[in-house]
Amino acid sequence: MYCAKLYNHMFLRSTDKGFHLKACCLAGNSTKDYELNKVYVQNVEEIKNHDIIRDARLSFEKDIWPEVCLNCKEIEDTGKESSRQAINAFYEKEIYRHDANGYITNDFVDFDIRPSNICNLKCVMCNPNWSSKWEEDIEIAEKFNFPYNTAKTVDNIDYDHLLSITANKARRLSFLGGEPLYMKPAIKFIEQLSKNEWNRKNTLLKFVTNGVSFTDKIWKLLNCFPKTTMVFSCEGLGPVQEYIRFPSEWDIWISNFKKCIKHPKISPRINLTVGAMNYPIMQQTLDYFYGLHVDPKEITYFPLKTPGHLSMNALRPVVVSEAFKQHKDNYLVSLNNTYKYNDKANAKLLQYLSAMDNKRNTDSRKILPWCYELQG
């Protein structure tokens, strides 16, 4: 048993405390291992053979799940494909080895880069750690106790060094934010990388984007690489998307998404974060994208658990029950099994929406009426 990420993948999130030490974005995310999710190093080179990474390699070799990898175990136990299985399939012809102490000497070729929190949106489930624009509404974040009192994503990346370890080597590069398409240093780095013939032929790109940040320069850059996976964040259609991912414009979002569908070098995907603000209209949202011939396999779901007042548990039982009757998608149906109504979360949800409406001049009662069900 093994995970290729422990041998060829670097999670590179730059924070005000240093580089976030994780084997991948999912590592150490289970509640049991929360403390393992708060380790930082000051040098990128420390990541490759850090004690936590080496211990995970040695644990897999003994057919024992590492503590930091339990999130993938939980996914595999449900019968779904985990991130571990996906990367093993991608690099199935590779052979990975370490010495008796878990050290490796090979170069990493797979990178998850999160340069900063620079963003042009302040999505309602986000916070100042991940979006610079949230500083405009900092008093709301503080009042509603968002879980952002940890490291803030800030750009401390040495891009010359990053270029030295990715030029003529990187097989996959993923960029997240903030909003990666809105980050000038990140775009400049990709532009430099595009000057290398090897990378133009061999490096696959991936962006997780809010969908409204494309420019002519970005479209031209994407043509330089063999394939780009563009993951669009989406929480609903029209006004619902605009409210949750404020202040985005649906017409721009859907225009860019359709353009990616037709683009020969871009593979569009969708990330759906499911919570109180959109659970009732999720089947309608899925049906819309199916009408655009989006493959269901290209849609990924993320149940919103924090902050708790935005989770499904903040919705009144009658709302969830009615939505359950309309849902055909197996995943949406399964969410009903984990639902447990929380009256305090419901009250806080309404307080939060009111605060947002007052600050942003929006109308949640009109756009998200299910949040107010049985409230009078």
Protein backbone atom coordinates (compact mmCIF):
# COMPACT_ATOMS: atom_id res chain seq x y z
CA MET A 1 0.00 0.00 0.00
CA TYR A 2 1.31 3.47 -0.87
CA CYS A 3 0.36 6.98 -1.99
CA ALA A 4 2.22 8.59 -4.88
CA LYS A 5 1.66 12.02 -3.33
CA LEU A 6 4.17 11.18 -0.61
CA TYR A 7 6.85 10.78 -3.28
CA ASN A 8 6.13 13.30 -6.02
CA HIS A 9 3.62 15.87 -4.73
CA MET A 10 4.21 19.17 -2.95
CA PHE A 11 1.45 21.08 -1.18
CA LEU A 12 2.73 24.66 -1.27
CA ARG A 13 0.56 27.05 0.71
CA SER A 14 2.40 30.21 1.70
CA THR A 15 1.21 31.74 5.01
CA ASP A 16 2.19 34.38 7.53
CA LYS A 17 3.54 31.51 9.69
CA GLY A 18 5.56 29.85 6.95
CA PHE A 19 4.72 27.10 4.49
CA HIS A 20 1.84 24.91 5.63
CA LEU A 21 3.29 21.42 6.12
CA LYS A 22 0.86 18.89 4.67
CA ALA A 23 1.37 15.87 2.43
CA CYS A 24 -1.56 17.15 0.38
CA CYS A 25 -4.60 19.38 0.81
CA LEU A 26 -6.55 16.56 2.50
CA ALA A 27 -3.82 15.34 4.84
CA GLY A 28 -4.48 15.79 8.53
CA ASN A 29 -8.00 17.12 7.96
CA SER A 30 -9.85 14.55 10.04
CA THR A 31 -11.06 15.84 13.39
CA LYS A 32 -8.98 13.23 15.21
CA ASP A 33 -5.79 14.61 13.70
CA TYR A 34 -6.55 18.33 13.80
CA GLU A 35 -3.23 19.17 15.46
CA LEU A 36 -1.38 17.58 12.55
CA ASN A 37 -2.97 20.23 10.36
CA LYS A 38 -1.18 23.10 12.12
CA VAL A 39 2.50 22.51 11.29
CA TYR A 40 4.54 25.12 9.39
CA VAL A 41 8.07 25.16 7.96
CA GLN A 42 10.17 28.08 6.79
CA ASN A 43 11.80 26.49 3.76
CA VAL A 44 10.23 24.71 0.80
CA GLU A 45 13.00 22.12 0.81
CA GLU A 46 11.98 20.99 4.32
CA ILE A 47 8.71 19.63 2.97
CA LYS A 48 10.05 16.74 0.88
CA ASN A 49 11.53 14.70 3.74
CA HIS A 50 9.90 16.18 6.82
CA ASP A 51 9.33 13.72 9.68
CA ILE A 52 5.57 13.74 9.11
CA ILE A 53 5.97 12.89 5.41
CA ARG A 54 8.60 10.22 6.04
CA ASP A 55 6.53 8.61 8.80
CA ALA A 56 3.59 8.38 6.40
CA ARG A 57 5.73 6.62 3.78
CA LEU A 58 7.00 4.10 6.31
CA SER A 59 3.50 3.54 7.67
CA PHE A 60 2.07 2.76 4.23
CA GLU A 61 4.93 0.33 3.65
CA LYS A 62 3.69 -1.61 6.68
CA ASP A 63 0.13 -1.54 5.29
CA ILE A 64 -0.92 0.81 8.09
CA TRP A 65 -2.91 3.96 7.34
CA PRO A 66 -0.88 7.02 8.45
CA GLU A 67 -2.61 9.32 10.92
CA VAL A 68 -2.42 12.19 8.41
CA CYS A 69 -4.13 10.16 5.68
CA LEU A 70 -7.32 9.07 7.42
CA ASN A 71 -9.43 11.39 5.27
CA CYS A 72 -8.69 9.25 2.20
CA LYS A 73 -9.36 6.10 4.21
CA GLU A 74 -12.80 7.40 5.16
CA ILE A 75 -13.55 8.12 1.49
CA GLU A 76 -12.35 4.70 0.34
CA ASP A 77 -14.40 3.01 3.07
CA THR A 78 -17.53 4.46 1.43
CA GLY A 79 -16.58 2.90 -1.90
CA LYS A 80 -15.71 6.21 -3.58
CA GLU A 81 -12.40 7.02 -5.25
CA SER A 82 -10.04 8.87 -2.93
CA SER A 83 -7.36 11.38 -3.84
CA ARG A 84 -4.78 8.67 -3.05
CA GLN A 85 -6.31 6.27 -5.56
CA ALA A 86 -6.65 8.99 -8.20
CA ILE A 87 -3.01 10.04 -8.10
CA ASN A 88 -1.85 6.41 -7.99
CA ALA A 89 -3.82 5.79 -11.17
CA PHE A 90 -2.33 8.87 -12.86
CA TYR A 91 1.22 7.81 -12.04
CA GLU A 92 0.58 4.08 -12.32
CA LYS A 93 3.76 3.38 -14.31
CA GLU A 94 6.03 5.12 -11.82
CA ILE A 95 8.08 3.28 -9.21
CA TYR A 96 8.62 5.02 -5.89
CA ARG A 97 11.23 4.08 -3.34
CA HIS A 98 12.62 5.44 -0.09
CA ASP A 99 15.49 4.38 2.11
CA ALA A 100 15.10 2.65 5.48
CA ASN A 101 14.33 5.97 7.15
CA GLY A 102 11.76 7.12 4.61
CA TYR A 103 14.00 9.59 2.75
CA ILE A 104 13.75 10.09 -1.02
CA THR A 105 16.07 11.86 -3.44
CA ASN A 106 13.86 12.18 -6.52
CA ASP A 107 12.36 15.50 -7.65
CA PHE A 108 8.74 16.34 -7.02
CA VAL A 109 6.75 16.67 -10.24
CA ASP A 110 3.24 17.35 -8.93
CA PHE A 111 2.48 20.69 -7.24
CA ASP A 112 -0.51 22.18 -5.41
CA ILE A 113 0.31 25.90 -5.22
CA ARG A 114 -1.68 28.36 -3.08
CA PRO A 115 0.25 31.61 -3.36
CA SER A 116 -1.90 34.09 -1.44
CA ASN A 117 -5.38 35.17 -0.33
CA ILE A 118 -5.67 37.81 -3.07
CA CYS A 119 -9.23 37.65 -4.38
CA ASN A 120 -11.81 39.83 -6.09
CA LEU A 121 -14.78 38.17 -4.34
CA LYS A 122 -15.85 37.81 -0.72
CA CYS A 123 -17.90 34.61 -0.79
CA VAL A 124 -20.28 34.29 2.15
CA MET A 125 -18.71 31.04 3.43
CA CYS A 126 -15.16 32.36 3.11
CA ASN A 127 -13.06 34.49 5.47
CA PRO A 128 -10.07 36.90 5.51
CA ASN A 129 -7.57 34.03 5.59
CA TRP A 130 -8.56 33.00 2.08
CA SER A 131 -9.90 36.23 0.57
CA SER A 132 -8.27 39.64 0.79
CA LYS A 133 -11.57 41.27 -0.18
CA TRP A 134 -13.13 39.98 3.06
CA GLU A 135 -11.15 42.67 4.87
CA GLU A 136 -13.92 45.03 3.73
CA ASP A 137 -16.36 43.10 5.95
CA ILE A 138 -13.98 42.17 8.74
CA GLU A 139 -16.44 43.18 11.46
CA ILE A 140 -18.93 40.56 10.23
CA ALA A 141 -16.27 37.83 10.19
CA GLU A 142 -15.27 38.70 13.74
CA LYS A 143 -18.84 38.94 15.03
CA PHE A 144 -19.86 35.56 13.63
CA ASN A 145 -16.75 33.74 14.85
CA PHE A 146 -15.50 32.43 11.54
CA PRO A 147 -12.73 29.82 12.00
CA TYR A 148 -10.01 32.03 10.57
CA ASN A 149 -7.81 32.59 13.62
CA THR A 150 -5.08 30.41 12.11
CA ALA A 151 -2.44 31.17 9.49
CA LYS A 152 -3.37 33.65 6.78
CA THR A 153 -2.41 32.83 3.19
CA VAL A 154 0.12 35.47 2.12
CA ASP A 155 2.54 35.51 -0.79
CA ASN A 156 6.00 34.65 0.53
CA ILE A 157 6.90 32.41 -2.40
CA ASP A 158 10.29 32.73 -4.02
CA TYR A 159 9.12 32.44 -7.62
CA ASP A 160 12.67 32.11 -8.97
CA HIS A 161 13.14 29.03 -6.78
CA LEU A 162 9.72 27.70 -7.74
CA LEU A 163 10.68 28.08 -11.40
CA SER A 164 13.92 26.17 -10.76
CA ILE A 165 12.08 23.14 -9.34
CA THR A 166 9.28 23.12 -11.92
CA ALA A 167 10.95 24.14 -15.20
CA ASN A 168 11.51 21.03 -17.34
CA LYS A 169 10.24 18.86 -14.46
CA ALA A 170 6.66 19.60 -13.39
CA ARG A 171 4.10 17.27 -14.88
CA ARG A 172 1.12 18.82 -13.10
CA LEU A 173 0.64 22.25 -11.51
CA SER A 174 -2.49 23.19 -9.60
CA PHE A 175 -3.25 26.76 -8.55
CA LEU A 176 -5.75 27.79 -5.88
CA GLY A 177 -6.29 30.90 -3.84
CA GLY A 178 -7.77 33.32 -3.12
CA GLU A 179 -8.40 33.57 -6.81
CA PRO A 180 -5.38 32.34 -8.81
CA LEU A 181 -6.47 34.00 -12.04
CA TYR A 182 -6.49 37.33 -10.18
CA MET A 183 -2.94 36.98 -8.78
CA LYS A 184 -0.41 38.88 -10.88
CA PRO A 185 2.71 37.11 -9.47
CA ALA A 186 1.18 33.69 -10.14
CA ILE A 187 0.21 34.62 -13.70
CA LYS A 188 3.70 36.03 -14.29
CA PHE A 189 5.19 32.75 -13.05
CA ILE A 190 3.05 30.73 -15.47
CA GLU A 191 4.09 33.09 -18.26
CA GLN A 192 7.78 32.41 -17.44
CA LEU A 193 7.14 28.68 -17.34
CA SER A 194 5.49 28.83 -20.75
CA LYS A 195 8.83 29.90 -22.25
CA ASN A 196 10.23 26.40 -21.63
CA GLU A 197 9.53 24.05 -24.51
CA TRP A 198 9.44 20.97 -22.23
CA ASN A 199 6.74 22.51 -20.05
CA ARG A 200 4.72 23.64 -23.04
CA LYS A 201 4.58 20.01 -24.17
CA ASN A 202 4.36 18.15 -20.87
CA THR A 203 2.97 20.26 -18.01
CA LEU A 204 -0.73 19.91 -17.25
CA LEU A 205 -2.31 22.89 -15.49
CA LYS A 206 -5.22 23.06 -13.09
CA PHE A 207 -6.98 26.10 -11.64
CA VAL A 208 -9.73 26.33 -9.07
CA THR A 209 -11.44 29.57 -10.03
CA ASN A 210 -14.44 31.70 -9.14
CA GLY A 211 -15.14 31.86 -12.87
CA VAL A 212 -15.24 35.65 -13.30
CA SER A 213 -11.52 36.45 -13.42
CA PHE A 214 -10.50 35.51 -16.96
CA THR A 215 -8.56 37.98 -19.11
CA ASP A 216 -7.32 37.90 -22.71
CA LYS A 217 -3.81 37.28 -21.37
CA ILE A 218 -4.96 34.21 -19.46
CA TRP A 219 -6.75 32.73 -22.47
CA LYS A 220 -3.55 33.12 -24.52
CA LEU A 221 -1.42 31.52 -21.78
CA LEU A 222 -3.68 28.48 -21.59
CA ASN A 223 -3.08 27.86 -25.27
CA CYS A 224 0.62 27.36 -24.50
CA PHE A 225 0.11 24.16 -22.49
CA PRO A 226 -1.17 20.76 -23.59
CA LYS A 227 -4.17 20.62 -21.27
CA THR A 228 -5.74 22.67 -18.49
CA THR A 229 -8.36 21.53 -16.02
CA MET A 230 -10.46 24.52 -15.04
CA VAL A 231 -12.47 23.87 -11.89
CA PHE A 232 -15.31 26.35 -11.56
CA SER A 233 -16.69 27.01 -8.08
CA CYS A 234 -20.47 27.07 -8.19
CA GLU A 235 -23.21 27.16 -5.56
CA GLY A 236 -26.30 27.78 -7.65
CA LEU A 237 -27.73 29.54 -10.67
CA GLY A 238 -28.20 33.24 -11.33
CA PRO A 239 -29.00 35.30 -8.20
CA VAL A 240 -28.11 32.47 -5.81
CA GLN A 241 -24.59 32.22 -7.25
CA GLU A 242 -24.27 36.00 -7.19
CA TYR A 243 -25.35 36.18 -3.54
CA ILE A 244 -23.12 33.38 -2.27
CA ARG A 245 -20.10 34.38 -4.37
CA PHE A 246 -20.48 38.11 -3.93
CA PRO A 247 -20.06 40.31 -5.95
CA SER A 248 -19.84 37.98 -8.96
CA GLU A 249 -21.97 38.27 -12.10
CA TRP A 250 -23.73 35.17 -13.36
CA ASP A 251 -23.65 36.23 -17.02
CA ILE A 252 -19.85 36.49 -16.91
CA TRP A 253 -19.53 33.18 -15.02
CA ILE A 254 -21.66 31.15 -17.39
CA SER A 255 -20.11 32.79 -20.47
CA ASN A 256 -16.62 31.76 -19.33
CA PHE A 257 -17.81 28.26 -18.44
CA LYS A 258 -19.38 27.73 -21.87
CA LYS A 259 -16.24 29.08 -23.54
CA CYS A 260 -14.18 26.48 -21.65
CA ILE A 261 -16.56 23.72 -22.78
CA LYS A 262 -15.77 24.59 -26.40
CA HIS A 263 -12.04 25.18 -25.84
CA PRO A 264 -9.91 22.31 -27.27
CA LYS A 265 -7.27 22.57 -24.54
CA ILE A 266 -9.48 23.14 -21.49
CA SER A 267 -11.42 20.57 -19.52
CA PRO A 268 -14.00 22.32 -17.31
CA ARG A 269 -15.16 20.84 -14.01
CA ILE A 270 -17.50 22.07 -11.29
CA ASN A 271 -17.06 22.21 -7.52
CA LEU A 272 -20.35 22.45 -5.64
CA THR A 273 -20.22 23.44 -1.97
CA VAL A 274 -23.51 22.30 -0.44
CA GLY A 275 -24.98 23.98 2.63
CA ALA A 276 -27.97 25.83 4.05
CA MET A 277 -27.99 28.49 1.35
CA ASN A 278 -28.29 26.12 -1.61
CA TYR A 279 -29.22 22.55 -0.60
CA PRO A 280 -32.88 22.97 -1.67
CA ILE A 281 -31.94 24.03 -5.21
CA MET A 282 -29.03 21.66 -5.82
CA GLN A 283 -30.96 19.21 -8.04
CA GLN A 284 -32.15 22.11 -10.18
CA THR A 285 -28.53 23.28 -10.47
CA LEU A 286 -27.32 19.82 -11.47
CA ASP A 287 -30.06 19.42 -14.06
CA TYR A 288 -29.05 22.73 -15.63
CA PHE A 289 -25.44 21.58 -16.08
CA TYR A 290 -26.53 18.18 -17.34
CA GLY A 291 -28.45 20.12 -19.98
CA LEU A 292 -25.11 21.60 -21.05
CA HIS A 293 -23.84 18.01 -21.43
CA VAL A 294 -21.55 18.21 -18.39
CA ASP A 295 -20.52 14.70 -17.38
CA PRO A 296 -21.67 13.91 -13.80
CA LYS A 297 -18.15 12.64 -13.15
CA GLU A 298 -16.89 16.19 -13.70
CA ILE A 299 -18.92 17.51 -10.77
CA THR A 300 -17.49 17.32 -7.25
CA TYR A 301 -19.43 17.99 -4.04
CA PHE A 302 -18.18 19.47 -0.80
CA PRO A 303 -20.55 19.49 2.19
CA LEU A 304 -20.21 22.81 4.01
CA LYS A 305 -19.53 22.02 7.67
CA THR A 306 -17.94 25.22 8.94
CA PRO A 307 -19.03 27.75 9.91
CA GLY A 308 -21.86 25.72 11.44
CA HIS A 309 -24.53 28.33 10.84
CA LEU A 310 -24.08 27.87 7.08
CA SER A 311 -24.28 24.07 7.15
CA MET A 312 -27.38 22.04 6.27
CA ASN A 313 -28.06 21.65 9.99
CA ALA A 314 -29.12 25.29 10.10
CA LEU A 315 -32.13 24.59 7.83
CA ARG A 316 -35.52 23.81 9.31
CA PRO A 317 -36.55 20.11 9.03
CA VAL A 318 -39.50 20.90 6.76
CA VAL A 319 -37.13 22.53 4.25
CA VAL A 320 -34.77 19.57 4.14
CA SER A 321 -37.69 17.15 3.94
CA GLU A 322 -39.21 18.94 0.94
CA ALA A 323 -35.83 19.19 -0.78
CA PHE A 324 -35.21 15.50 -0.18
CA LYS A 325 -38.36 14.66 -2.15
CA GLN A 326 -37.04 16.57 -5.16
CA HIS A 327 -33.49 15.24 -5.13
CA LYS A 328 -32.57 12.41 -7.50
CA ASP A 329 -28.81 12.61 -7.19
CA ASN A 330 -27.48 9.89 -4.86
CA TYR A 331 -25.05 12.20 -3.10
CA LEU A 332 -27.69 14.81 -2.37
CA VAL A 333 -29.99 12.10 -1.06
CA SER A 334 -27.22 10.74 1.17
CA LEU A 335 -26.74 14.16 2.80
CA ASN A 336 -30.15 13.75 4.36
CA ASN A 337 -28.73 10.88 6.44
CA THR A 338 -26.19 13.17 8.10
CA TYR A 339 -28.60 16.07 8.66
CA LYS A 340 -29.36 17.02 12.26
CA TYR A 341 -31.29 20.21 12.87
CA ASN A 342 -29.61 22.78 15.11
CA ASP A 343 -31.87 25.55 16.37
CA LYS A 344 -28.97 27.77 17.45
CA ALA A 345 -27.35 27.42 14.04
CA ASN A 346 -30.65 28.40 12.42
CA ALA A 347 -30.91 31.53 14.53
CA LYS A 348 -27.31 32.48 13.78
CA LEU A 349 -27.87 31.87 10.05
CA LEU A 350 -30.66 34.45 10.01
CA GLN A 351 -28.59 36.93 12.00
CA TYR A 352 -25.70 36.44 9.61
CA LEU A 353 -27.83 36.90 6.48
CA SER A 354 -29.27 40.07 7.97
CA ALA A 355 -25.80 41.44 8.67
CA MET A 356 -24.71 40.60 5.12
CA ASP A 357 -27.78 42.23 3.59
CA ASN A 358 -27.25 45.42 5.57
CA LYS A 359 -23.57 45.62 4.63
CA ARG A 360 -23.86 44.57 0.99
CA ASN A 361 -27.33 45.88 0.10
CA THR A 362 -28.57 42.41 -0.84
CA ASP A 363 -31.93 40.71 -0.20
CA SER A 364 -31.45 37.20 1.16
CA ARG A 365 -35.15 36.79 2.01
CA LYS A 366 -35.96 37.12 -1.69
CA ILE A 367 -33.00 35.14 -3.06
CA LEU A 368 -32.78 32.42 -0.38
CA PRO A 369 -36.40 32.11 0.86
CA TRP A 370 -35.87 28.55 2.18
CA CYS A 371 -33.57 29.94 4.87
CA TYR A 372 -36.59 31.78 6.29
CA GLU A 373 -39.07 28.89 6.15
CA LEU A 374 -41.45 28.97 9.16
CA GLN A 375 -39.88 32.17 10.41
CA GLY A 376 -42.91 34.32 9.79
